[in-house]
Protein backbone atom coordinates (compact mmCIF):
# COMPACT_ATOMS: atom_id res chain seq x y z
CA MET A 1 -43.63 7.13 35.07
CA MET A 2 -40.54 8.89 36.44
CA LYS A 3 -39.90 12.82 35.73
CA PHE A 4 -38.11 13.54 32.29
CA GLN A 5 -36.41 16.92 32.10
CA ALA A 6 -35.77 16.52 28.20
CA PHE A 7 -36.55 14.71 25.07
CA LEU A 8 -33.91 13.25 22.43
CA ILE A 9 -35.29 13.44 18.89
CA LYS A 10 -33.93 10.80 16.55
CA TYR A 11 -34.12 11.19 12.79
CA GLY A 12 -33.70 8.99 9.88
CA GLU A 13 -33.38 10.11 6.13
CA ILE A 14 -31.99 13.67 7.37
CA GLY A 15 -29.10 11.61 8.50
CA LEU A 16 -28.19 10.59 5.00
CA LYS A 17 -27.87 14.02 3.63
CA GLY A 18 -24.84 15.47 2.73
CA LYS A 19 -23.52 19.14 3.19
CA ASN A 20 -27.13 20.61 3.06
CA ARG A 21 -27.96 18.46 6.08
CA TYR A 22 -28.16 21.36 8.36
CA VAL A 23 -30.81 22.71 6.23
CA PHE A 24 -33.21 19.50 7.17
CA GLU A 25 -32.20 19.58 10.83
CA ASP A 26 -33.20 23.41 10.80
CA ALA A 27 -36.01 22.81 9.27
CA LEU A 28 -37.14 19.80 11.54
CA VAL A 29 -36.34 22.14 14.80
CA ARG A 30 -38.84 24.70 13.44
CA GLN A 31 -41.36 22.19 13.22
CA ILE A 32 -40.59 20.68 16.36
CA LYS A 33 -41.10 24.35 18.02
CA ASN A 34 -44.31 24.70 15.97
CA ALA A 35 -45.78 21.51 17.36
CA LEU A 36 -45.11 22.24 20.73
CA LYS A 37 -47.13 25.17 20.78
CA THR A 38 -49.91 23.05 21.47
CA ALA A 39 -48.14 21.80 24.70
CA GLY A 40 -47.17 25.41 26.00
CA GLU A 41 -45.92 28.05 23.78
CA GLY A 42 -42.57 29.30 24.65
CA LYS A 43 -42.06 26.77 27.22
CA PHE A 44 -39.67 24.44 25.46
CA GLU A 45 -36.10 25.11 24.49
CA VAL A 46 -35.10 23.23 21.36
CA SER A 47 -31.55 22.83 20.47
CA ARG A 48 -29.40 21.31 17.80
CA ILE A 49 -26.08 19.86 19.13
CA ASN A 50 -23.39 17.92 17.38
CA GLY A 51 -26.01 16.15 15.07
CA ARG A 52 -28.46 15.51 18.03
CA ILE A 53 -31.52 17.57 18.58
CA PHE A 54 -32.94 17.98 22.07
CA VAL A 55 -36.13 19.41 23.66
CA HIS A 56 -35.62 20.74 27.05
CA ALA A 57 -38.96 20.87 29.06
CA PRO A 58 -39.94 23.08 31.71
CA GLU A 59 -40.65 21.98 35.25
CA ASP A 60 -44.87 21.69 35.04
CA TYR A 61 -45.11 20.41 31.53
CA ASP A 62 -47.62 17.77 30.48
CA PHE A 63 -45.83 14.77 29.66
CA ASP A 64 -48.47 13.17 27.53
CA LEU A 65 -49.53 16.27 25.54
CA THR A 66 -45.87 16.88 24.80
CA LEU A 67 -45.24 13.42 23.49
CA SER A 68 -48.64 13.35 21.33
CA ALA A 69 -47.09 17.06 19.64
CA LEU A 70 -43.70 15.37 18.91
CA LYS A 71 -45.20 12.09 17.67
CA HIS A 72 -47.01 14.52 14.97
CA VAL A 73 -43.64 16.07 13.75
CA PHE A 74 -42.70 14.61 9.95
CA GLY A 75 -38.98 13.91 10.17
CA VAL A 76 -38.87 12.49 13.74
CA THR A 77 -38.34 8.50 14.08
CA GLY A 78 -37.76 8.23 17.43
CA ILE A 79 -38.69 10.33 20.62
CA CYS A 80 -36.65 9.19 23.97
CA PRO A 81 -37.67 10.77 27.36
CA VAL A 82 -34.54 11.78 29.17
CA ARG A 83 -33.18 12.20 32.79
CA VAL A 84 -30.84 14.98 32.76
CA ILE A 85 -28.23 14.80 35.77
CA PRO A 86 -25.26 17.03 36.38
CA ASN A 87 -21.83 15.73 35.22
CA ARG A 88 -20.54 13.28 37.62
CA THR A 89 -17.65 10.96 38.52
CA PRO A 90 -17.95 7.39 37.06
CA LYS A 91 -19.39 6.11 40.44
CA GLY A 92 -21.80 8.87 40.37
CA ILE A 93 -23.12 7.92 36.74
CA ALA A 94 -23.19 4.26 37.94
CA GLU A 95 -25.54 5.37 40.86
CA ALA A 96 -27.59 7.50 39.03
CA VAL A 97 -28.30 4.68 36.49
CA VAL A 98 -29.23 2.31 39.18
CA ASP A 99 -31.55 5.07 40.67
CA PHE A 100 -32.93 5.33 36.84
CA ILE A 101 -33.87 1.66 36.89
CA ARG A 102 -35.36 1.44 40.18
CA GLU A 103 -37.62 4.44 39.48
CA ASN A 104 -38.57 3.71 35.90
CA TYR A 105 -39.22 -0.08 36.06
CA GLU A 106 -41.79 -2.19 37.87
CA ARG A 107 -39.74 -5.47 37.83
CA PHE A 108 -36.04 -6.13 37.77
CA ASP A 109 -35.52 -9.48 36.16
CA PHE A 110 -34.80 -8.38 32.41
CA THR A 111 -31.91 -8.70 30.21
CA PHE A 112 -30.27 -5.25 29.72
CA LYS A 113 -27.11 -3.81 27.71
CA ILE A 114 -25.59 -0.21 28.83
CA ASN A 115 -24.64 1.87 25.60
CA THR A 116 -22.63 4.86 26.33
CA ARG A 117 -22.02 7.73 23.94
CA ARG A 118 -19.20 10.07 25.26
CA ALA A 119 -20.06 13.39 23.71
CA ASN A 120 -17.26 14.93 26.12
CA LYS A 121 -14.25 13.29 24.95
CA ALA A 122 -12.50 14.94 27.99
CA TYR A 123 -14.23 12.70 30.32
CA PRO A 124 -11.72 10.27 32.06
CA LEU A 125 -13.29 6.90 31.23
CA GLY A 126 -14.06 5.71 27.58
CA SER A 127 -17.24 4.45 26.45
CA MET A 128 -16.60 0.78 26.77
CA GLU A 129 -14.94 1.32 30.21
CA LEU A 130 -18.14 3.06 31.47
CA ASP A 131 -20.20 0.44 30.07
CA ALA A 132 -18.44 -2.29 32.27
CA LEU A 133 -18.29 -0.01 35.25
CA VAL A 134 -22.25 1.00 35.11
CA GLY A 135 -23.28 -2.76 34.11
CA GLU A 136 -21.42 -4.13 37.27
CA ALA A 137 -23.26 -1.64 39.45
CA VAL A 138 -26.61 -2.58 37.99
CA LEU A 139 -26.19 -6.09 38.56
CA GLU A 140 -24.88 -5.77 41.92
CA ALA A 141 -28.09 -3.91 42.82
CA PHE A 142 -30.37 -6.22 41.08
CA PRO A 143 -29.00 -9.64 41.23
CA ASP A 144 -31.94 -11.12 38.92
CA MET A 145 -30.89 -9.19 36.01
CA ARG A 146 -28.66 -10.32 33.25
CA VAL A 147 -26.50 -8.66 30.77
CA ASP A 148 -27.42 -9.58 27.08
CA VAL A 149 -25.26 -7.48 24.54
CA HIS A 150 -27.03 -9.10 21.53
CA SER A 151 -30.81 -8.77 22.07
CA PRO A 152 -31.40 -7.21 25.53
CA GLU A 153 -34.83 -6.67 26.51
CA GLU A 154 -33.85 -3.22 27.62
CA MET A 155 -31.02 -0.90 26.43
CA ILE A 156 -29.71 1.68 28.80
CA HIS A 157 -28.54 4.77 27.20
CA ILE A 158 -25.72 7.15 28.77
CA GLU A 159 -24.77 10.38 26.90
CA VAL A 160 -21.88 12.13 28.63
CA ARG A 161 -22.03 15.73 27.68
CA LYS A 162 -19.71 18.49 29.02
CA GLU A 163 -22.22 19.90 31.51
CA ASP A 164 -24.77 17.14 32.15
CA ILE A 165 -25.15 13.40 31.67
CA TYR A 166 -28.34 12.21 29.98
CA LEU A 167 -29.94 8.62 30.66
CA TYR A 168 -32.74 7.11 28.61
CA SER A 169 -34.15 3.74 27.73
CA LEU A 170 -37.70 4.50 26.25
CA VAL A 171 -37.91 5.18 22.45
CA PHE A 172 -41.39 6.32 21.18
CA LYS A 173 -41.83 5.78 17.58
CA GLY A 174 -42.37 9.06 15.33
CA PRO A 175 -43.96 9.21 12.22
CA GLY A 176 -40.79 9.65 9.94
CA GLY A 177 -40.73 11.13 6.62
CA MET A 178 -39.22 14.71 6.10
CA PRO A 179 -39.72 18.08 7.85
CA VAL A 180 -42.54 19.91 6.35
CA GLY A 181 -41.51 22.78 3.87
CA THR A 182 -38.30 20.95 2.74
CA GLY A 183 -40.22 19.36 -0.32
CA GLY A 184 -41.94 22.32 -1.90
CA LYS A 185 -45.47 23.28 -1.74
CA ALA A 186 -48.56 21.57 -3.26
CA MET A 187 -52.42 22.18 -3.62
CA LEU A 188 -54.52 19.28 -2.24
CA LEU A 189 -57.96 18.62 -3.72
CA LEU A 190 -59.55 17.86 -0.49
CA SER A 191 -63.24 16.33 -0.30
CA GLY A 192 -65.18 15.05 2.54
CA GLY A 193 -64.02 11.28 1.57
CA ILE A 194 -61.73 8.77 3.12
CA ASP A 195 -59.27 9.10 0.36
CA SER A 196 -58.02 12.68 -0.05
CA PRO A 197 -56.98 13.33 3.46
CA VAL A 198 -54.86 10.42 3.45
CA ALA A 199 -53.14 11.51 0.19
CA GLY A 200 -52.48 15.10 1.77
CA TYR A 201 -51.01 13.11 4.88
CA MET A 202 -48.67 11.17 2.52
CA ILE A 203 -47.45 13.76 0.57
CA SER A 204 -47.01 16.23 3.48
CA LYS A 205 -44.68 13.24 4.99
CA ARG A 206 -42.48 13.87 2.18
CA GLY A 207 -41.79 17.32 3.43
CA VAL A 208 -44.43 18.99 1.16
CA GLN A 209 -46.24 21.96 2.39
CA LEU A 210 -49.97 21.84 1.76
CA ASP A 211 -52.71 24.30 0.59
CA ALA A 212 -56.12 22.61 0.07
CA VAL A 213 -59.26 23.35 -2.27
CA TYR A 214 -62.75 22.24 -1.59
CA PHE A 215 -65.54 22.27 -4.00
CA HIS A 216 -68.76 23.21 -2.19
CA ALA A 217 -72.24 22.97 -3.97
CA PRO A 218 -74.99 24.56 -2.03
CA PRO A 219 -77.76 23.83 -1.42
CA TYR A 220 -76.89 20.36 -2.74
CA THR A 221 -74.27 20.05 0.01
CA SER A 222 -74.83 21.43 3.17
CA GLU A 223 -72.80 23.43 5.58
CA ARG A 224 -72.30 20.47 7.64
CA ALA A 225 -70.52 18.90 4.81
CA LYS A 226 -68.21 22.08 4.43
CA GLN A 227 -67.40 21.73 8.00
CA LYS A 228 -66.58 18.32 7.68
CA VAL A 229 -63.88 19.24 5.29
CA VAL A 230 -62.51 21.93 7.67
CA ASP A 231 -62.48 19.35 10.37
CA LEU A 232 -60.50 17.12 8.20
CA ALA A 233 -58.11 19.73 7.28
CA ARG A 234 -57.68 20.52 11.06
CA ILE A 235 -56.72 16.92 11.70
CA ILE A 236 -54.31 17.03 8.67
CA SER A 237 -52.90 20.21 10.06
CA ALA A 238 -51.32 18.39 13.07
CA TYR A 239 -48.98 17.01 11.00
CA ALA A 240 -48.80 19.39 7.92
CA GLY A 241 -48.78 22.51 9.90
CA VAL A 242 -50.87 25.68 8.74
CA ILE A 243 -53.08 24.72 5.95
CA TYR A 244 -55.09 27.47 3.70
CA LEU A 245 -58.21 25.84 2.72
CA HIS A 246 -59.65 27.57 -0.46
CA VAL A 247 -63.56 26.86 -0.78
CA ILE A 248 -64.86 27.37 -4.29
CA ASN A 249 -68.65 27.36 -4.80
CA PHE A 250 -69.14 25.01 -7.63
CA THR A 251 -72.95 24.62 -7.97
CA ASP A 252 -73.43 27.01 -11.16
CA ILE A 253 -70.65 25.18 -13.18
CA GLN A 254 -71.95 21.64 -12.02
CA MET A 255 -75.54 22.49 -13.15
CA TYR A 256 -74.32 24.05 -16.36
CA ILE A 257 -72.63 20.83 -17.01
CA TYR A 258 -75.18 18.74 -16.11
CA ASP A 259 -77.73 20.55 -18.30
CA GLN A 260 -75.37 20.84 -21.24
CA CYS A 261 -73.37 17.65 -21.50
CA PRO A 262 -73.87 13.91 -21.74
CA HIS A 263 -74.68 12.64 -18.45
CA GLU A 264 -72.37 9.37 -18.74
CA GLU A 265 -69.45 12.15 -19.14
CA LEU A 266 -70.66 14.43 -16.18
CA THR A 267 -68.08 13.01 -13.75
CA ILE A 268 -64.99 13.49 -16.05
CA ILE A 269 -66.02 16.82 -17.22
CA MET A 270 -66.70 18.13 -13.67
CA ARG A 271 -63.56 16.74 -12.49
CA ARG A 272 -61.54 18.43 -15.39
CA TYR A 273 -63.00 21.78 -14.37
CA MET A 274 -62.04 21.39 -10.87
CA MET A 275 -58.47 20.42 -11.93
CA ARG A 276 -58.66 23.59 -14.02
CA ILE A 277 -59.56 25.60 -11.06
CA ALA A 278 -57.30 23.93 -8.70
CA GLU A 279 -54.37 24.57 -10.95
CA ARG A 280 -55.15 28.40 -11.01
CA LEU A 281 -55.24 28.64 -7.26
CA ALA A 282 -51.92 26.68 -7.08
CA VAL A 283 -50.28 28.89 -9.38
CA SER A 284 -51.48 32.02 -7.62
CA SER A 285 -50.14 30.29 -4.11
CA ASP A 286 -46.76 29.22 -5.69
CA CYS A 287 -47.64 25.77 -5.36
CA LEU A 288 -45.48 23.37 -7.61
CA GLY A 289 -48.25 20.80 -8.30
CA LEU A 290 -51.70 19.11 -7.41
CA VAL A 291 -52.38 16.40 -5.23
CA THR A 292 -55.32 14.15 -5.44
CA GLY A 293 -56.62 10.84 -3.26
CA GLU A 294 -56.93 8.84 -6.42
CA SER A 295 -56.23 5.26 -6.87
CA ILE A 296 -56.08 3.35 -10.03
CA GLY A 297 -59.67 1.66 -10.57
CA GLN A 298 -61.10 2.34 -7.34
CA VAL A 299 -64.21 4.10 -9.24
CA ALA A 300 -65.22 5.13 -12.86
CA SER A 301 -63.13 8.32 -12.62
CA GLN A 302 -59.96 6.70 -11.67
CA THR A 303 -59.37 4.21 -14.52
CA MET A 304 -56.20 5.08 -16.54
CA LYS A 305 -58.21 6.52 -19.26
CA SER A 306 -60.02 8.73 -16.87
CA LEU A 307 -56.85 9.69 -15.06
CA LEU A 308 -55.69 10.77 -18.76
CA ALA A 309 -58.55 12.78 -19.52
CA THR A 310 -58.25 14.82 -16.22
CA ASN A 311 -54.51 15.02 -16.33
CA GLU A 312 -54.81 16.74 -19.96
CA VAL A 313 -55.88 20.08 -18.48
CA CYS A 314 -53.20 20.56 -16.35
CA THR A 315 -49.84 22.09 -16.83
CA LEU A 316 -48.66 21.42 -13.50
CA PRO A 317 -47.84 18.08 -12.27
CA VAL A 318 -50.51 16.03 -10.38
CA TYR A 319 -49.17 13.61 -7.45
CA ARG A 320 -51.21 10.68 -6.57
CA PRO A 321 -49.58 9.31 -3.21
CA LEU A 322 -52.45 6.53 -3.12
CA ILE A 323 -52.12 5.49 -6.78
CA GLY A 324 -51.12 1.89 -5.82
CA PHE A 325 -52.93 1.38 -2.45
CA ASP A 326 -56.19 -0.70 -2.20
CA LYS A 327 -59.00 0.78 -0.10
CA GLN A 328 -58.43 -1.36 3.16
CA GLU A 329 -54.78 0.23 3.12
CA ILE A 330 -56.14 3.62 2.91
CA ILE A 331 -58.72 2.95 5.47
CA GLU A 332 -56.07 1.75 7.89
CA ILE A 333 -53.78 4.65 7.39
CA ALA A 334 -57.05 7.13 7.79
CA GLY A 335 -57.76 5.20 11.22
CA ASN A 336 -54.26 5.62 12.37
CA ILE A 337 -54.25 9.44 11.68
CA GLY A 338 -57.45 10.05 12.80
CA THR A 339 -59.29 11.02 9.81
CA PHE A 340 -61.31 8.07 9.20
CA GLU A 341 -64.35 8.75 11.85
CA THR A 342 -64.97 12.00 10.23
CA SER A 343 -64.73 11.17 6.71
CA ILE A 344 -67.39 8.53 7.23
CA LEU A 345 -69.91 11.08 8.47
CA PRO A 346 -72.93 10.83 6.20
CA TYR A 347 -72.67 14.45 4.53
CA GLU A 348 -72.56 14.19 0.80
CA ASP A 349 -69.96 16.21 -1.22
CA CYS A 350 -70.46 17.55 -4.69
CA CYS A 351 -69.20 14.63 -6.57
CA THR A 352 -71.65 12.12 -5.27
CA ILE A 353 -74.60 14.44 -5.70
CA PHE A 354 -74.14 14.58 -9.57
CA VAL A 355 -72.62 11.36 -10.28
CA ALA A 356 -74.04 9.44 -13.29
CA LYS A 357 -75.79 6.20 -13.04
CA HIS A 358 -73.39 4.64 -15.73
CA PRO A 359 -70.25 6.91 -15.81
CA VAL A 360 -68.11 6.11 -18.70
CA THR A 361 -64.98 4.23 -17.55
CA LYS A 362 -62.79 4.63 -20.80
CA PRO A 363 -63.23 8.43 -21.78
CA ASN A 364 -62.22 9.32 -25.41
CA LEU A 365 -60.32 12.57 -25.31
CA ASN A 366 -61.61 13.72 -28.51
CA ILE A 367 -65.24 12.99 -27.45
CA ILE A 368 -64.72 14.82 -24.07
CA ARG A 369 -63.21 17.89 -25.80
CA ARG A 370 -66.18 18.02 -28.06
CA SER A 371 -68.57 17.85 -25.44
CA GLU A 372 -66.94 20.76 -23.42
CA LEU A 373 -67.52 22.91 -26.51
CA LEU A 374 -71.30 22.87 -25.54
CA LEU A 375 -70.10 24.81 -22.74
CA LYS A 376 -68.30 27.59 -24.55
CA GLU A 377 -71.10 30.25 -24.02
CA LYS A 378 -70.94 30.53 -20.44
CA ILE A 379 -68.37 28.44 -18.83
CA ASP A 380 -65.23 30.83 -18.84
CA THR A 381 -67.21 33.40 -17.10
CA MET A 382 -68.72 30.98 -14.46
CA VAL A 383 -65.16 29.65 -13.85
CA GLU A 384 -64.03 33.43 -13.37
CA GLU A 385 -66.81 33.94 -10.81
CA ALA A 386 -66.07 31.03 -8.81
CA VAL A 387 -62.17 31.87 -8.72
CA ALA A 388 -63.27 35.14 -7.56
CA GLY A 389 -65.77 34.36 -4.97
CA ASP A 390 -63.00 32.00 -3.33
CA GLU A 391 -63.19 31.77 0.26
CA VAL A 392 -59.77 31.19 2.27
CA ILE A 393 -60.02 29.69 5.56
CA VAL A 394 -56.87 29.17 7.66
CA ILE A 395 -56.54 26.03 9.43
CA ARG A 396 -54.22 25.70 12.32
CA HIS A 397 -54.48 22.69 14.70
CA GLY A 398 -56.02 23.38 18.10
CA GLU A 399 -57.25 26.55 17.02
CA ALA A 400 -60.71 27.44 15.36
CA ALA A 401 -60.77 28.22 11.65
CA SER A 402 -60.97 31.68 10.28
CA VAL A 403 -61.71 33.33 7.03
CA GLU A 404 -58.45 35.24 6.22
CA ARG A 405 -59.30 36.82 2.82
CA LEU A 406 -61.76 37.08 -0.03
CA ARG A 407 -60.61 36.91 -3.53
CA GLY A 408 -62.12 39.36 -5.81
């Protein structure tokens, strides 16, 4: 592959914004800069010019590493490696395009179209005139090639700018969505399973910044189970940016519920206390809602009545990006984003350890509330202790996780 000096970044939904479009463009530029730190911090120049975003690369950059970083930026729909040449005469541009094709392709018998965008309106030829001139030069240099203006195999793009000419034909697909940080902030209930990491990815794709909470239950869950969740958070952070992962020791609360409450209601009641704690953390972290990986009917705790029972304890909205997905669809996304292989590692989380043999699928809210009265002697104190012992792990893609602070 030939040498490319820059990348043209394409975006989708952002272009439909009105007067505040610049806010989304600026956010996208910030996210691109953050992502490129993994490919060489401070080496890349990211600029926004006339509705276009360009990444100018240094001489010694790693193309594959840079492309991978850009593919993880929400808001990006296309990544076009660009060859930059000095501003030239029309004949000089035609010669540059011929060289571009010769260096960038292995065969020269495909159909093509020249597409010129004349950002520099002072240039002596118009876009259509330059298309014709360059197309003629290409046909002369490569007799087996043919012009097809309707459905060409290759589109050769020319951007005529004031200082330079940009040439590109390759377009790599980006993840789409909206830049992280433009949609507010939410708290993800992150387990070691398949679903919740995908839910985090999906909500982050809509521009939502993530914090996360994991409910740990030692000695019933091991340090390897906790590390699995840290690893999942790190994979998500490649898309979502920095994640503050709250680790809550839930063992005493679970055991107390197990001892005091009817076993068929264990999952619902435990889930209700997880939601209560998650909401407290969310409020203290300025989050605007909770995010879970639930999908209607997938398990007993995810029936409509079960979701109603868990929702009841929350005042913040609960977002469920996977609510209408079936398991295979979720697995496919997990495979695409790189979380699946980690999610299926055989380390139990706290939910599977304490699951009832015959969990209630249509919980009655009045009955659930009465059962929770059996906990009133100790539960509030136990919740306070669990929140006070919150361990916050800072997750940054490409870096080792670090404990930033302890509550209490």
